[in-house]
Amino acid sequence: QVQLVESGGGLVQVGGSLRLSCAASGSTFSINAMGWYRQTPGKQRELVAFITNGGSTNYVDLVKGRFTISRDNAKNTVYLQMNRMKPEDTAVYYCKASVPGPDYWGQGTQVTVSS
């Protein structure tokens, strides 16, 4: 079992920045990669960025150059630094841990970008 707790969401103005954190606990040794997803009402949850155990990263085109995913292995924590934010970044952001078997999800944190 892996538990994920997200934090750092909130309200930010257009062009501003936020940093999300996702702290993992439990069987963290089983985690292969971690990612951030987001979801808006009526739409499917979509990938924002992920990072592997080896440190490889990947981003959806919409956030390339603005968002940065990173991890602190000592703290079992993954971060999403979001810069130059846009109203379309408004969503509930979820952290996901990929393991052999069903993935684990955090509870989500609301991010709202006001114009």
Protein backbone atom coordinates (compact mmCIF):
# COMPACT_ATOMS: atom_id res chain seq x y z
CA GLN A 1 0.00 0.00 0.00
CA VAL A 2 1.10 3.51 -0.85
CA GLN A 3 -0.43 6.64 0.62
CA LEU A 4 -0.17 9.96 -1.20
CA VAL A 5 -0.89 13.36 0.31
CA GLU A 6 -0.93 16.43 -1.91
CA SER A 7 -0.55 19.99 -0.76
CA GLY A 8 0.15 23.43 -2.16
CA GLY A 9 -2.96 24.17 -4.14
CA GLY A 10 -4.80 27.45 -3.92
CA LEU A 11 -5.72 30.65 -5.71
CA VAL A 12 -3.21 32.45 -7.90
CA GLN A 13 -3.41 35.26 -10.41
CA VAL A 14 -2.63 34.88 -14.08
CA GLY A 15 1.11 34.83 -14.57
CA GLY A 16 1.73 33.73 -11.01
CA SER A 17 3.32 30.59 -9.58
CA LEU A 18 2.41 27.72 -7.31
CA ARG A 19 4.28 24.65 -6.14
CA LEU A 20 2.44 21.43 -5.46
CA SER A 21 3.86 18.71 -3.26
CA CYS A 22 3.00 15.03 -3.09
CA ALA A 23 4.35 13.08 -0.14
CA ALA A 24 4.37 9.31 -0.45
CA SER A 25 4.41 6.87 2.45
CA GLY A 26 4.00 3.15 2.94
CA SER A 27 5.50 0.77 0.37
CA THR A 28 7.35 3.50 -1.50
CA PHE A 29 9.98 1.00 -2.68
CA SER A 30 7.39 -0.34 -5.15
CA ILE A 31 6.94 2.99 -6.92
CA ASN A 32 8.26 3.05 -10.51
CA ALA A 33 7.24 6.55 -11.44
CA MET A 34 5.14 9.39 -10.13
CA GLY A 35 3.00 11.81 -12.01
CA TRP A 36 0.71 14.77 -11.78
CA TYR A 37 -2.70 14.77 -13.44
CA ARG A 38 -5.47 17.32 -13.51
CA GLN A 39 -9.20 17.26 -14.01
CA THR A 40 -11.90 19.84 -14.63
CA PRO A 41 -15.65 19.26 -14.29
CA GLY A 42 -17.07 17.17 -17.09
CA LYS A 43 -13.68 16.25 -18.50
CA GLN A 44 -11.41 13.25 -18.17
CA ARG A 45 -8.41 13.35 -15.93
CA GLU A 46 -5.36 14.23 -18.01
CA LEU A 47 -1.64 13.76 -17.56
CA VAL A 48 0.35 16.90 -16.79
CA ALA A 49 3.82 15.51 -16.12
CA PHE A 50 5.57 12.43 -14.78
CA ILE A 51 8.99 11.52 -13.49
CA THR A 52 10.56 8.07 -13.35
CA ASN A 53 12.77 6.61 -10.67
CA GLY A 54 15.69 7.35 -12.95
CA GLY A 55 14.76 10.99 -13.13
CA SER A 56 13.40 11.03 -16.68
CA THR A 57 10.57 13.50 -17.12
CA ASN A 58 7.79 14.05 -19.58
CA TYR A 59 5.28 16.87 -19.95
CA VAL A 60 2.09 17.48 -21.83
CA ASP A 61 2.63 20.11 -24.52
CA LEU A 62 0.32 22.60 -22.80
CA VAL A 63 2.67 22.99 -19.83
CA LYS A 64 6.10 22.55 -21.42
CA GLY A 65 8.37 25.41 -20.51
CA ARG A 66 6.08 26.54 -17.67
CA PHE A 67 5.84 23.56 -15.31
CA THR A 68 8.66 21.53 -13.79
CA ILE A 69 8.31 18.19 -12.06
CA SER A 70 10.99 17.10 -9.60
CA ARG A 71 11.45 14.64 -6.78
CA ASP A 72 13.25 14.40 -3.48
CA ASN A 73 13.92 10.71 -2.97
CA ALA A 74 15.04 11.20 0.62
CA LYS A 75 11.66 12.69 1.46
CA ASN A 76 9.65 10.46 -0.91
CA THR A 77 8.12 13.64 -2.26
CA VAL A 78 7.38 14.83 -5.77
CA TYR A 79 6.88 18.47 -6.64
CA LEU A 80 5.22 20.34 -9.47
CA GLN A 81 6.46 23.87 -9.89
CA MET A 82 3.95 25.82 -11.95
CA ASN A 83 5.00 29.17 -13.41
CA ARG A 84 3.38 31.67 -15.78
CA MET A 85 0.05 30.17 -14.92
CA LYS A 86 -3.00 30.58 -17.13
CA PRO A 87 -6.74 30.41 -16.43
CA GLU A 88 -6.86 27.09 -18.30
CA ASP A 89 -4.56 25.60 -15.66
CA THR A 90 -7.49 25.77 -13.24
CA ALA A 91 -8.30 22.21 -12.17
CA VAL A 92 -8.07 19.69 -9.39
CA TYR A 93 -4.54 18.31 -9.47
CA TYR A 94 -3.91 14.71 -8.52
CA CYS A 95 -0.70 12.88 -7.74
CA LYS A 96 -0.31 9.30 -8.96
CA ALA A 97 2.19 6.61 -8.01
CA SER A 98 2.79 3.91 -10.59
CA VAL A 99 3.50 0.50 -9.11
CA PRO A 100 3.27 -3.11 -10.32
CA GLY A 101 -0.49 -3.51 -10.13
CA PRO A 102 -3.16 -0.85 -9.64
CA ASP A 103 -1.86 2.70 -9.37
CA TYR A 104 -2.33 4.83 -6.28
CA TRP A 105 -3.88 8.28 -6.31
CA GLY A 106 -3.87 11.18 -3.93
CA GLN A 107 -7.01 12.99 -2.83
CA GLY A 108 -6.45 15.96 -5.13
CA THR A 109 -5.79 19.63 -4.54
CA GLN A 110 -7.67 22.52 -6.13
CA VAL A 111 -5.73 25.03 -8.19
CA THR A 112 -7.55 28.14 -9.37
CA VAL A 113 -6.01 30.76 -11.65
CA SER A 114 -7.90 34.05 -11.66
CA SER A 115 -7.74 36.56 -14.47
